[in-house]
């Protein structure tokens, strides 16, 4: 069965084989309620440890209970929210989700004494815990506590900082309200002369129009609207930067950037290598821009031409079962064991496949330790949905292998690593599709899809990362982040990245004002490093074979058992060096070369 009609079914009408099996987490509501009651009881038990964490035996017992509480809470939270996501209009599921969220907050508060109490101990005592065989299961946790200790404040100051935490959310909250609730965009005249709503969601659709005038009208309408709010939005972003500088100073970090990297134990080299290496390869991006101009047949390439289709969309109708098979075939390089688990996941209730009335939009992979991962899809029979399937199953397999091979505390991998497995799956699927595509138009469509991933995920996110670095440095030096300074800085970066071979329209100077990621500071570079690491892995797997596969599977099985940079390094990807980014750039160059050759075929 596929879903190609416009009719959306009710949840109750969805066939069992198209649903995920949440009963693998809890067989029924009664089981959920029983586990909920266990956690509430355990919260009283954990309170008994407060003031006792002075020796290895009490620390071990406390950690074991903390793990048990955390695991039960995770199971309750995941189940309740996935139940809610099946049908967001279901009031019973909504109530269950709220109940789980409240429990999660209670648990966080109840466990909050553990780290400060252990860190209040002398360093020598902490080092003794790290060497103690009785605490061997918690060595990494204790080492990480000791590493963080110079930046943890005395108890009273930490309590004050916790209260300041609510204030620190204000810039992001205010931006969200302006951007999502208060910002009103004008209507834009489409290809047939009808006035259509310009929204965040429809903007890219306008930019993908084959009609250049439509693209230009949408582009100018979008940034003209932001320009009217430039003073407010500059003040909001400035407040967020000021907050970061405050936290860095209070917690004794040299800079806001170093504070952000410290949590994952990432050195400044990783951040600066990314920017420097991308600078070195900007001629590649500019070469792609030149190819875009040539294929679009325009005298000048503008910023609003970057999403325009280079060929008519190749009509690829790919039913779900076919998408599954293509994903399986493309991932054969990862070996029989990987494929066996993946194939089983398609039959064992991991995936909720199609859209239904009230179902949460988008796609994700989620789950709780001790049960197989779950994947939510809203599958359509097209190319994009097939790549989404590959992407989410990359996450799911990463979670499955880390959970299977590690204890609970070590299994959770960091955000720095999170997009590697998903992006690698997409890279292998793309390689497979290109190998099995003879039609030049279809091939160009695939190549454009891939090239634009490099443009948006590596080059654009690195440019964002560079912008964040510059404005924090300027603010730290006492410069006011005025709308003019922000716009001038952002425009100059666009000129630098896109080069003189295209028109960098002045409207783009306001784009900084609409990027929500700037309120989760120094985060966007992880998109570029994750994509580069995945591209490096796929290149090694396709060129070396089994040795590279073994290293990659070792990476998946390592979860969060070490610092992210060390886990990648052991697997053969050293993000502290420029090499993985260089390897990703060599793949990008080969894509451009293939596009240039295919463009000649299409002209014949």
Protein backbone atom coordinates (compact mmCIF):
# COMPACT_ATOMS: atom_id res chain seq x y z
CA UNK A 1 0.00 0.00 0.00
CA UNK A 2 1.13 3.55 -0.66
CA UNK A 3 -0.44 6.87 0.15
CA UNK A 4 -0.74 8.99 -2.93
CA UNK A 5 -4.28 10.37 -2.52
CA UNK A 6 -5.09 13.62 -0.76
CA UNK A 7 -7.27 11.80 1.76
CA UNK A 8 -5.67 11.54 5.20
CA UNK A 9 -6.83 8.59 7.29
CA UNK A 10 -7.88 8.66 10.92
CA UNK A 11 -5.42 7.06 13.37
CA UNK A 12 -7.89 4.31 14.17
CA UNK A 13 -7.95 3.33 10.49
CA UNK A 14 -4.17 2.93 10.10
CA UNK A 15 -3.32 -0.75 9.44
CA UNK A 16 -1.19 -2.45 12.10
CA UNK A 17 1.65 -3.10 9.65
CA UNK A 18 2.04 0.66 9.08
CA UNK A 19 2.26 1.52 12.80
CA UNK A 20 5.15 1.41 15.22
CA UNK A 21 4.75 -1.05 18.11
CA UNK A 22 4.66 1.13 21.21
CA UNK A 23 3.55 -1.96 23.14
CA UNK A 24 7.22 -3.01 23.03
CA UNK A 25 7.76 -0.17 25.53
CA UNK A 26 4.56 -0.60 27.57
CA UNK A 27 1.95 -3.25 26.83
CA UNK A 28 -0.84 -1.03 28.13
CA UNK A 29 -1.69 2.03 30.22
CA UNK A 30 -1.66 -0.02 33.42
CA UNK A 31 2.03 -0.91 32.91
CA UNK A 32 2.84 2.78 32.32
CA UNK A 33 1.04 3.76 35.53
CA UNK A 34 2.91 1.11 37.53
CA UNK A 35 6.31 2.37 36.31
CA UNK A 36 5.25 5.95 37.03
CA UNK A 37 4.47 4.94 40.63
CA UNK A 38 7.90 3.28 40.94
CA UNK A 39 9.67 6.52 39.93
CA UNK A 40 7.65 8.61 42.39
CA UNK A 41 8.72 6.21 45.15
CA UNK A 42 12.36 6.28 44.02
CA UNK A 43 12.43 10.10 44.29
CA UNK A 44 11.93 9.73 48.05
CA UNK A 45 14.77 7.19 48.14
CA UNK A 46 17.25 9.41 46.24
CA UNK A 47 16.62 12.26 48.70
CA UNK A 48 18.10 10.07 51.46
CA UNK A 49 21.53 10.33 49.77
CA UNK A 50 21.70 14.11 50.07
CA UNK A 51 24.56 15.01 52.40
CA UNK A 52 26.03 11.48 52.36
CA UNK A 53 28.15 11.47 49.18
CA UNK A 54 31.55 11.32 50.87
CA UNK A 55 32.84 7.82 50.05
CA UNK A 56 32.91 5.42 47.10
CA UNK A 57 30.18 3.13 48.46
CA UNK A 58 27.59 5.92 48.87
CA UNK A 59 28.51 7.49 45.49
CA UNK A 60 28.14 4.11 43.75
CA UNK A 61 24.76 3.39 45.34
CA UNK A 62 23.55 6.90 44.51
CA UNK A 63 24.71 6.64 40.86
CA UNK A 64 22.98 3.25 40.48
CA UNK A 65 19.70 4.65 41.78
CA UNK A 66 20.13 7.77 39.63
CA UNK A 67 20.54 5.56 36.54
CA UNK A 68 17.47 3.52 37.43
CA UNK A 69 15.34 6.63 37.95
CA UNK A 70 16.63 8.22 34.74
CA UNK A 71 15.96 5.11 32.66
CA UNK A 72 12.41 4.67 34.01
CA UNK A 73 11.71 8.37 33.42
CA UNK A 74 13.07 8.20 29.87
CA UNK A 75 10.81 5.23 29.09
CA UNK A 76 7.75 7.00 30.51
CA UNK A 77 8.57 10.27 28.72
CA UNK A 78 9.31 8.72 25.33
CA UNK A 79 6.20 6.52 25.33
CA UNK A 80 3.87 9.33 26.40
CA UNK A 81 5.19 11.76 23.81
CA UNK A 82 5.23 9.26 20.95
CA UNK A 83 1.65 8.32 21.86
CA UNK A 84 0.80 12.03 21.68
CA UNK A 85 2.56 12.35 18.30
CA UNK A 86 0.38 9.60 16.80
CA UNK A 87 -2.60 11.94 17.06
CA UNK A 88 -1.99 15.35 18.62
CA UNK A 89 -5.75 15.92 18.94
CA UNK A 90 -6.14 12.89 21.24
CA UNK A 91 -6.80 14.50 24.65
CA UNK A 92 -5.90 11.37 26.64
CA UNK A 93 -2.47 11.18 24.95
CA UNK A 94 -2.00 14.93 25.42
CA UNK A 95 -2.70 14.56 29.14
CA UNK A 96 -0.26 11.65 29.40
CA UNK A 97 2.43 13.71 27.66
CA UNK A 98 1.94 16.59 30.12
CA UNK A 99 2.09 14.16 33.06
CA UNK A 100 5.41 12.77 31.76
CA UNK A 101 6.86 16.27 31.26
CA UNK A 102 5.98 17.26 34.84
CA UNK A 103 7.58 14.07 36.14
CA UNK A 104 10.73 14.82 34.12
CA UNK A 105 11.02 18.27 35.77
CA UNK A 106 10.50 16.70 39.23
CA UNK A 107 13.23 14.16 38.53
CA UNK A 108 15.70 16.83 37.35
CA UNK A 109 15.12 18.79 40.54
CA UNK A 110 15.44 15.69 42.74
CA UNK A 111 18.76 14.68 41.13
CA UNK A 112 20.24 18.19 40.99
CA UNK A 113 22.14 17.86 44.29
CA UNK A 114 24.39 15.00 43.08
CA UNK A 115 26.97 16.80 40.93
CA UNK A 116 27.47 19.88 43.17
CA UNK A 117 27.81 17.65 46.24
CA UNK A 118 30.47 15.46 44.65
CA UNK A 119 32.30 18.48 43.23
CA UNK A 120 32.42 20.04 46.70
CA UNK A 121 34.80 17.24 47.72
CA UNK A 122 38.58 17.82 47.55
CA UNK A 123 40.25 17.04 44.21
CA UNK A 124 42.25 14.23 45.79
CA UNK A 125 39.05 12.51 46.93
CA UNK A 126 37.61 12.80 43.41
CA UNK A 127 40.81 11.39 41.89
CA UNK A 128 40.58 8.53 44.37
CA UNK A 129 37.05 7.77 43.17
CA UNK A 130 38.30 7.70 39.56
CA UNK A 131 40.93 5.06 40.52
CA UNK A 132 38.55 3.01 42.69
CA UNK A 133 37.61 -0.35 41.03
CA UNK A 134 34.20 -0.21 42.75
CA UNK A 135 33.39 2.88 40.65
CA UNK A 136 34.88 1.60 37.36
CA UNK A 137 31.47 1.79 35.63
CA UNK A 138 31.45 5.54 36.37
CA UNK A 139 35.06 6.45 35.52
CA UNK A 140 34.12 8.65 32.54
CA UNK A 141 31.38 10.41 34.54
CA UNK A 142 33.79 11.21 37.37
CA UNK A 143 36.59 12.31 35.01
CA UNK A 144 34.13 14.64 33.32
CA UNK A 145 33.03 16.07 36.68
CA UNK A 146 36.66 16.75 37.60
CA UNK A 147 37.29 18.39 34.21
CA UNK A 148 34.26 20.67 34.65
CA UNK A 149 35.12 21.59 38.26
CA UNK A 150 37.09 24.83 37.52
CA UNK A 151 33.95 26.25 35.93
CA UNK A 152 31.49 25.24 38.65
CA UNK A 153 30.76 27.97 41.19
CA UNK A 154 30.21 27.70 44.96
CA UNK A 155 26.81 26.31 45.94
CA UNK A 156 25.16 29.68 46.69
CA UNK A 157 26.36 31.19 43.41
CA UNK A 158 25.18 28.13 41.47
CA UNK A 159 21.74 28.56 43.04
CA UNK A 160 21.73 32.20 41.90
CA UNK A 161 22.86 31.20 38.38
CA UNK A 162 20.02 28.68 38.24
CA UNK A 163 17.55 31.51 38.90
CA UNK A 164 19.24 33.67 36.25
CA UNK A 165 18.67 30.75 33.85
CA UNK A 166 15.05 31.76 33.29
CA UNK A 167 16.17 35.27 32.30
CA UNK A 168 18.76 33.84 29.91
CA UNK A 169 15.99 32.30 27.80
CA UNK A 170 14.47 35.73 27.12
CA UNK A 171 16.35 36.70 23.91
CA UNK A 172 15.47 33.42 22.19
CA UNK A 173 11.89 33.51 23.44
CA UNK A 174 11.40 37.11 22.27
CA UNK A 175 12.94 36.32 18.87
CA UNK A 176 10.63 33.31 18.54
CA UNK A 177 7.55 35.43 19.24
CA UNK A 178 8.61 38.13 16.77
CA UNK A 179 9.60 35.62 14.10
CA UNK A 180 6.74 33.14 14.41
CA UNK A 181 3.81 35.14 15.79
CA UNK A 182 4.24 38.86 15.08
CA UNK A 183 6.06 38.92 11.74
CA UNK A 184 3.55 39.50 8.93
CA UNK A 185 4.73 39.00 5.37
CA UNK A 186 3.05 40.47 2.30
CA UNK A 187 1.41 38.38 -0.39
CA UNK A 188 3.48 37.47 -3.44
CA UNK A 189 2.16 37.18 -7.00
CA UNK A 190 2.84 33.66 -8.29
CA UNK A 191 3.42 32.23 -11.79
CA UNK A 192 -0.22 32.56 -12.83
CA UNK A 193 -0.68 36.02 -11.37
CA UNK A 194 -2.46 34.96 -8.18
CA UNK A 195 -1.59 36.58 -4.85
CA UNK A 196 -0.28 33.92 -2.44
CA UNK A 197 0.70 34.08 1.23
CA UNK A 198 4.43 34.40 1.90
CA UNK A 199 5.28 32.40 5.02
CA UNK A 200 8.37 30.74 6.48
CA UNK A 201 7.10 27.48 4.99
CA UNK A 202 6.26 28.80 1.52
CA UNK A 203 9.40 30.92 1.08
CA UNK A 204 11.57 28.07 -0.26
CA UNK A 205 8.72 26.98 -2.54
CA UNK A 206 8.73 30.47 -4.06
CA UNK A 207 12.54 30.33 -4.45
CA UNK A 208 12.21 26.97 -6.23
CA UNK A 209 9.86 28.49 -8.82
CA UNK A 210 10.95 28.28 -12.46
CA UNK A 211 9.67 31.86 -12.86
CA UNK A 212 12.53 34.20 -11.99
CA UNK A 213 10.24 37.18 -11.30
CA UNK A 214 8.39 35.13 -8.66
CA UNK A 215 11.69 34.24 -7.00
CA UNK A 216 12.80 37.87 -6.94
CA UNK A 217 9.46 39.13 -5.58
CA UNK A 218 9.51 36.58 -2.74
CA UNK A 219 13.16 37.32 -1.91
CA UNK A 220 12.62 41.06 -1.71
CA UNK A 221 9.37 40.70 0.22
CA UNK A 222 11.01 38.42 2.80
CA UNK A 223 14.01 40.65 3.55
CA UNK A 224 12.07 43.89 3.18
CA UNK A 225 9.82 42.67 6.00
CA UNK A 226 12.79 41.85 8.25
CA UNK A 227 14.38 45.23 7.46
CA UNK A 228 11.34 46.94 9.01
CA UNK A 229 12.12 45.16 12.31
CA UNK A 230 15.91 45.56 12.13
CA UNK A 231 16.33 47.65 15.31
CA UNK A 232 14.29 45.28 17.48
CA UNK A 233 15.93 42.18 16.02
CA UNK A 234 19.44 43.64 16.41
CA UNK A 235 18.67 44.41 20.07
CA UNK A 236 17.42 40.85 20.59
CA UNK A 237 20.51 39.27 19.04
CA UNK A 238 22.74 41.69 20.95
CA UNK A 239 21.03 40.62 24.20
CA UNK A 240 21.79 36.97 23.40
CA UNK A 241 25.47 37.74 22.73
CA UNK A 242 25.67 39.78 25.96
CA UNK A 243 24.20 36.81 27.88
CA UNK A 244 26.88 34.50 26.42
CA UNK A 245 29.68 36.89 27.35
CA UNK A 246 28.26 37.15 30.89
CA UNK A 247 28.20 33.37 31.38
CA UNK A 248 31.71 32.98 29.95
CA UNK A 249 33.11 35.62 32.32
CA UNK A 250 31.32 34.32 35.42
CA UNK A 251 32.34 30.73 34.74
CA UNK A 252 35.99 31.63 34.01
CA UNK A 253 36.19 30.82 30.29
CA UNK A 254 38.48 32.82 27.97
CA UNK A 255 35.60 33.45 25.55
CA UNK A 256 31.99 32.57 24.83
CA UNK A 257 33.11 30.33 21.96
CA UNK A 258 35.51 28.37 24.18
CA UNK A 259 32.76 28.01 26.78
CA UNK A 260 30.47 26.53 24.15
CA UNK A 261 33.11 24.08 22.89
CA UNK A 262 34.21 23.04 26.39
CA UNK A 263 31.07 21.01 27.09
CA UNK A 264 31.96 18.52 24.34
CA UNK A 265 35.69 18.87 25.05
CA UNK A 266 36.20 20.28 21.54
CA UNK A 267 39.34 22.33 20.95
CA UNK A 268 39.30 25.70 19.19
CA UNK A 269 41.25 24.01 16.37
CA UNK A 270 38.12 22.14 15.27
CA UNK A 271 36.19 25.40 14.83
CA UNK A 272 39.00 27.39 13.24
CA UNK A 273 40.12 24.51 10.98
CA UNK A 274 36.60 24.29 9.61
CA UNK A 275 36.49 27.99 8.74
CA UNK A 276 40.05 28.09 7.36
CA UNK A 277 39.62 24.96 5.25
CA UNK A 278 36.31 26.16 3.81
CA UNK A 279 37.95 29.53 2.98
CA UNK A 280 40.59 27.62 1.04
CA UNK A 281 37.89 25.83 -0.96
CA UNK A 282 35.62 28.79 -1.70
CA UNK A 283 36.66 28.62 -5.39
CA UNK A 284 34.73 25.30 -5.52
CA UNK A 285 31.53 26.96 -4.30
CA UNK A 286 32.10 29.77 -6.78
CA UNK A 287 32.64 27.22 -9.56
CA UNK A 288 29.26 25.69 -8.67
CA UNK A 289 27.70 29.17 -8.82
CA UNK A 290 29.13 29.62 -12.31
CA UNK A 291 27.68 26.26 -13.38
CA UNK A 292 24.29 27.29 -11.95
CA UNK A 293 24.39 30.52 -13.96
CA UNK A 294 25.25 28.65 -17.15
CA UNK A 295 22.53 26.02 -16.69
CA UNK A 296 19.87 28.60 -15.81
CA UNK A 297 20.87 30.58 -18.91
CA UNK A 298 20.98 33.95 -17.09
CA UNK A 299 23.34 36.88 -17.65
CA UNK A 300 23.81 37.33 -13.90
CA UNK A 301 23.25 34.89 -11.04
CA UNK A 302 21.44 36.46 -8.07
CA UNK A 303 20.93 35.27 -4.49
CA UNK A 304 17.31 34.41 -5.31
CA UNK A 305 18.53 31.98 -8.01
CA UNK A 306 20.28 29.60 -5.59
CA UNK A 307 17.28 27.27 -5.16
CA UNK A 308 16.02 27.46 -8.74
CA UNK A 309 15.72 24.04 -10.42
CA UNK A 310 18.50 23.30 -12.94
CA UNK A 311 16.46 20.62 -14.68
CA UNK A 312 12.81 19.71 -14.57
CA UNK A 313 12.13 17.57 -11.53
CA UNK A 314 12.70 13.98 -12.53
CA UNK A 315 9.40 12.31 -11.70
CA UNK A 316 10.59 9.55 -9.42
CA UNK A 317 7.63 7.70 -7.94
CA UNK A 318 9.10 5.41 -5.30
CA UNK A 319 6.57 3.38 -3.27
CA UNK A 320 7.56 2.71 0.34
CA UNK A 321 8.51 -0.96 -0.18
CA UNK A 322 10.74 0.04 -3.10
CA UNK A 323 12.29 2.81 -0.99
CA UNK A 324 13.07 0.22 1.72
CA UNK A 325 14.73 -2.06 -0.81
CA UNK A 326 16.79 0.72 -2.35
CA UNK A 327 17.96 1.80 1.12
CA UNK A 328 18.92 -1.81 1.93
CA UNK A 329 20.76 -2.22 -1.39
CA UNK A 330 22.63 1.07 -0.95
CA UNK A 331 23.81 0.10 2.55
CA UNK A 332 25.26 -3.29 1.54
CA UNK A 333 28.80 -1.91 1.99
CA UNK A 334 28.11 -1.82 5.78
CA UNK A 335 27.96 -5.61 5.95
CA UNK A 336 25.53 -8.46 6.56
CA UNK A 337 25.03 -7.94 10.31
CA UNK A 338 24.07 -4.27 9.86
CA UNK A 339 21.68 -5.19 7.03
CA UNK A 340 20.14 -8.02 9.04
CA UNK A 341 19.19 -5.66 11.88
CA UNK A 342 17.99 -2.99 9.43
CA UNK A 343 15.86 -5.46 7.48
CA UNK A 344 14.39 -6.74 10.75
CA UNK A 345 13.53 -3.18 11.80
CA UNK A 346 11.26 -2.87 8.74
CA UNK A 347 9.22 -5.87 9.92
CA UNK A 348 9.38 -5.48 13.72
CA UNK A 349 7.42 -2.32 14.39
CA UNK A 350 10.18 0.27 14.58
CA UNK A 351 8.55 2.62 12.06
CA UNK A 352 5.29 4.60 11.92
CA UNK A 353 5.10 5.07 8.18
CA UNK A 354 2.33 7.27 6.77
CA UNK A 355 0.60 10.51 7.64
CA UNK A 356 -2.69 10.30 9.50
CA UNK A 357 -5.11 12.89 10.84
CA UNK A 358 -3.51 14.77 13.73
CA UNK A 359 -0.10 13.08 13.41
CA UNK A 360 3.00 15.14 14.18
CA UNK A 361 4.62 16.48 11.03
CA UNK A 362 8.18 15.81 9.87
CA UNK A 363 10.33 12.83 10.78
CA UNK A 364 12.53 11.72 13.68
CA UNK A 365 14.22 8.78 15.35
CA UNK A 366 13.71 8.36 19.11
CA UNK A 367 13.46 5.72 21.78
CA UNK A 368 14.43 4.58 25.26
CA UNK A 369 17.37 2.42 26.31
CA UNK A 370 16.45 -1.26 26.59
CA UNK A 371 13.93 -1.20 23.74
CA UNK A 372 14.53 -0.91 20.01
CA UNK A 373 14.55 2.65 18.57
CA UNK A 374 11.45 4.09 16.91
CA UNK A 375 11.15 6.15 13.72
CA UNK A 376 8.31 8.53 12.87
CA UNK A 377 7.79 9.21 9.17
CA UNK A 378 5.14 10.94 7.08
CA UNK A 379 6.13 9.03 3.96
CA UNK A 380 5.25 10.16 0.44
CA UNK A 381 6.22 8.05 -2.57
CA UNK A 382 9.01 10.37 -3.71
CA UNK A 383 12.79 10.79 -3.70
CA UNK A 384 12.87 13.10 -0.70
CA UNK A 385 10.95 10.60 1.46
CA UNK A 386 13.33 7.81 0.46
CA UNK A 387 16.30 9.91 1.60
CA UNK A 388 14.41 10.73 4.83
CA UNK A 389 13.97 6.99 5.45
CA UNK A 390 17.72 6.41 4.95
CA UNK A 391 18.54 9.39 7.20
CA UNK A 392 16.29 8.38 10.11
CA UNK A 393 17.35 4.72 9.95
CA UNK A 394 20.95 5.97 10.27
CA UNK A 395 19.99 7.56 13.60
CA UNK A 396 18.05 4.44 14.62
CA UNK A 397 20.93 2.06 13.85
CA UNK A 398 23.38 4.32 15.71
CA UNK A 399 21.12 4.18 18.78
CA UNK A 400 20.54 0.44 18.45
CA UNK A 401 24.25 -0.41 18.22
CA UNK A 402 25.32 1.95 21.01
CA UNK A 403 22.50 0.72 23.30
CA UNK A 404 23.27 -2.93 22.53
CA UNK A 405 26.99 -2.61 23.28
CA UNK A 406 27.07 -0.18 26.22
CA UNK A 407 25.59 0.34 29.69
CA UNK A 408 22.88 2.98 29.98
CA UNK A 409 25.07 5.84 31.16
CA UNK A 410 27.59 5.49 28.31
CA UNK A 411 25.17 4.77 25.46
CA UNK A 412 23.87 8.30 24.79
CA UNK A 413 25.89 9.96 22.03
CA UNK A 414 26.33 13.74 21.78
CA UNK A 415 24.80 16.19 19.31
CA UNK A 416 28.31 16.64 17.85
CA UNK A 417 28.09 12.99 16.66
CA UNK A 418 24.35 12.76 16.08
CA UNK A 419 24.19 13.65 12.38
CA UNK A 420 27.13 11.50 11.24
CA UNK A 421 25.33 8.15 10.90
CA UNK A 422 22.23 9.67 9.30
CA UNK A 423 24.25 11.67 6.76
CA UNK A 424 26.49 8.70 5.94
CA UNK A 425 23.39 6.67 5.03
CA UNK A 426 22.28 9.45 2.70
CA UNK A 427 25.74 9.59 1.11
CA UNK A 428 25.75 5.83 0.43
CA UNK A 429 22.20 6.00 -0.96
CA UNK A 430 23.20 8.88 -3.24
CA UNK A 431 26.23 6.92 -4.49
CA UNK A 432 23.97 3.92 -5.18
CA UNK A 433 21.34 6.02 -7.01
CA UNK A 434 23.96 7.68 -9.21
CA UNK A 435 25.50 4.28 -10.04
CA UNK A 436 22.09 2.97 -11.13
CA UNK A 437 20.88 6.03 -13.08
CA UNK A 438 21.52 6.29 -16.82
CA UNK A 439 19.09 9.06 -17.76
CA UNK A 440 21.07 12.37 -17.88
CA UNK A 441 18.10 14.42 -16.61
CA UNK A 442 17.55 12.14 -13.60
CA UNK A 443 21.29 12.10 -12.96
CA UNK A 444 21.48 15.90 -13.02
CA UNK A 445 18.52 16.10 -10.63
CA UNK A 446 20.32 13.80 -8.16
CA UNK A 447 23.64 15.62 -8.54
CA UNK A 448 21.96 19.00 -7.93
CA UNK A 449 20.27 17.59 -4.82
CA UNK A 450 23.68 16.43 -3.53
CA UNK A 451 25.58 19.60 -4.49
CA UNK A 452 22.99 21.74 -2.72
CA UNK A 453 23.48 19.69 0.44
CA UNK A 454 27.16 20.70 0.37
CA UNK A 455 26.24 24.32 -0.35
CA UNK A 456 23.68 24.60 2.46
CA UNK A 457 25.11 22.23 5.09
CA UNK A 458 28.84 22.82 4.76
CA UNK A 459 29.44 26.23 3.16
CA UNK A 460 26.38 28.09 4.47
CA UNK A 461 26.57 26.71 8.02
CA UNK A 462 30.30 27.51 8.15
CA UNK A 463 29.50 31.06 7.07
CA UNK A 464 26.95 31.22 9.90
CA UNK A 465 29.59 29.91 12.32
CA UNK A 466 32.05 32.56 11.15
CA UNK A 467 29.43 35.29 11.58
CA UNK A 468 28.78 34.16 15.18
CA UNK A 469 32.50 34.17 15.94
CA UNK A 470 32.95 37.68 14.53
CA UNK A 471 30.01 39.32 16.32
CA UNK A 472 30.95 37.79 19.68
CA UNK A 473 34.53 39.03 19.27
CA UNK A 474 33.31 42.51 18.33
CA UNK A 475 30.95 42.65 21.32
CA UNK A 476 33.71 41.40 23.63
CA UNK A 477 35.90 44.27 22.38
CA UNK A 478 33.16 46.74 23.31
CA UNK A 479 31.61 47.38 19.90
CA UNK A 480 27.84 47.89 19.78
CA UNK A 481 26.04 45.33 17.63
CA UNK A 482 23.96 47.84 15.70
CA UNK A 483 21.73 46.78 12.77
CA UNK A 484 24.29 48.38 10.44
CA UNK A 485 27.25 46.49 11.91
CA UNK A 486 25.39 43.16 11.80
CA UNK A 487 24.22 43.75 8.22
CA UNK A 488 27.63 44.94 7.01
CA UNK A 489 29.35 41.94 8.61
CA UNK A 490 26.84 39.49 7.16
CA UNK A 491 26.91 41.05 3.67
CA UNK A 492 30.73 41.00 3.58
CA UNK A 493 30.72 37.27 4.40
CA UNK A 494 28.24 36.56 1.61
CA UNK A 495 30.48 38.45 -0.82
CA UNK A 496 33.50 36.50 0.39
CA UNK A 497 31.81 33.10 0.10
CA UNK A 498 29.92 33.57 -3.18
CA UNK A 499 32.60 35.61 -4.95
CA UNK A 500 32.50 38.31 -7.61
CA UNK A 501 31.10 35.99 -10.28
CA UNK A 502 27.53 36.52 -9.07
CA UNK A 503 25.40 39.39 -7.80
CA UNK A 504 25.21 39.37 -4.01
CA UNK A 505 21.98 41.34 -3.63
CA UNK A 506 21.94 43.95 -0.87
CA UNK A 507 18.71 42.47 0.58
CA UNK A 508 20.70 39.42 1.79
CA UNK A 509 22.42 41.66 4.36
CA UNK A 510 19.28 41.23 6.53
CA UNK A 511 19.37 37.42 6.55
CA UNK A 512 21.06 37.34 9.98
CA UNK A 513 17.74 38.55 11.39
CA UNK A 514 15.81 35.39 10.47
CA UNK A 515 18.22 32.62 11.60
CA UNK A 516 16.84 31.00 14.79
CA UNK A 517 20.06 28.98 15.31
CA UNK A 518 21.88 32.18 16.30
CA UNK A 519 19.97 31.92 19.59
CA UNK A 520 21.50 28.49 20.23
CA UNK A 521 24.94 29.97 19.96
CA UNK A 522 27.91 28.19 18.33
CA UNK A 523 25.75 25.22 17.36
CA UNK A 524 25.60 25.47 13.56
CA UNK A 525 29.23 24.41 13.02
CA UNK A 526 28.17 20.90 14.09
CA UNK A 527 26.10 20.58 10.92
CA UNK A 528 29.19 21.24 8.82
CA UNK A 529 31.53 19.01 10.86
CA UNK A 530 28.95 16.20 11.02
CA UNK A 531 28.38 16.33 7.27
CA UNK A 532 32.13 16.41 6.63
CA UNK A 533 32.76 13.47 8.99
CA UNK A 534 30.01 11.44 7.31
CA UNK A 535 31.34 12.25 3.84
CA UNK A 536 34.84 11.22 4.96
CA UNK A 537 33.48 7.94 6.36
CA UNK A 538 31.56 7.15 3.15
CA UNK A 539 34.62 7.91 1.02
CA UNK A 540 36.77 5.59 3.17
CA UNK A 541 34.13 2.82 3.12
CA UNK A 542 33.73 2.93 -0.67
CA UNK A 543 37.50 3.07 -1.30
CA UNK A 544 38.93 0.82 1.46
CA UNK A 545 36.11 -1.65 2.09
CA UNK A 546 36.11 -3.85 5.21
CA UNK A 547 38.77 -2.09 7.33
CA UNK A 548 36.88 1.21 7.01
CA UNK A 549 33.54 -0.56 7.65
CA UNK A 550 34.94 -2.08 10.86
CA UNK A 551 36.14 1.33 12.05
CA UNK A 552 32.75 2.88 11.27
CA UNK A 553 30.78 0.15 13.07
CA UNK A 554 33.12 0.66 16.04
CA UNK A 555 32.13 4.33 15.98
CA UNK A 556 28.42 3.40 16.06
CA UNK A 557 29.00 1.02 18.97
CA UNK A 558 30.90 3.65 21.01
CA UNK A 559 27.84 5.79 21.84
CA UNK A 560 28.93 8.42 24.35
CA UNK A 561 31.55 6.31 26.12
CA UNK A 562 34.31 8.85 25.42
CA UNK A 563 34.61 12.44 24.23
CA UNK A 564 33.13 12.89 20.75
CA UNK A 565 36.41 13.94 19.14
CA UNK A 566 38.16 10.82 20.51
CA UNK A 567 35.39 8.47 19.30
CA UNK A 568 35.67 9.88 15.77
CA UNK A 569 39.47 9.79 15.85
CA UNK A 570 39.52 6.08 16.82
CA UNK A 571 37.25 5.41 13.85
CA UNK A 572 39.61 7.16 11.42
CA UNK A 573 38.13 10.68 11.24
CA UNK A 574 40.24 13.29 13.04
CA UNK A 575 38.14 16.46 13.23
CA UNK A 576 41.00 18.34 14.92
CA UNK A 577 42.77 18.23 11.54
CA UNK A 578 41.55 19.66 8.22
CA UNK A 579 41.65 16.20 6.56
CA UNK A 580 37.94 15.19 6.87
CA UNK A 581 36.84 18.58 5.50
CA UNK A 582 39.41 18.24 2.69
CA UNK A 583 37.98 14.79 1.88
CA UNK A 584 34.44 16.21 1.83
CA UNK A 585 35.63 18.97 -0.51
CA UNK A 586 37.16 16.40 -2.88
CA UNK A 587 33.75 14.68 -3.04
CA UNK A 588 32.11 18.05 -3.75
CA UNK A 589 34.62 18.69 -6.53
CA UNK A 590 33.84 15.32 -8.13
CA UNK A 591 30.10 16.15 -7.99
CA UNK A 592 30.71 19.46 -9.81
CA UNK A 593 32.84 17.70 -12.45
CA UNK A 594 30.08 15.14 -12.97
CA UNK A 595 27.49 17.91 -13.21
CA UNK A 596 29.59 19.73 -15.82
CA UNK A 597 29.91 16.54 -17.89
CA UNK A 598 26.18 15.77 -17.55
CA UNK A 599 25.30 19.35 -18.54
CA UNK A 600 27.16 18.78 -21.85
CA UNK A 601 25.15 15.59 -22.42
CA UNK A 602 21.89 17.45 -21.83
CA UNK A 603 22.85 20.10 -24.41
CA UNK A 604 23.31 17.51 -27.17
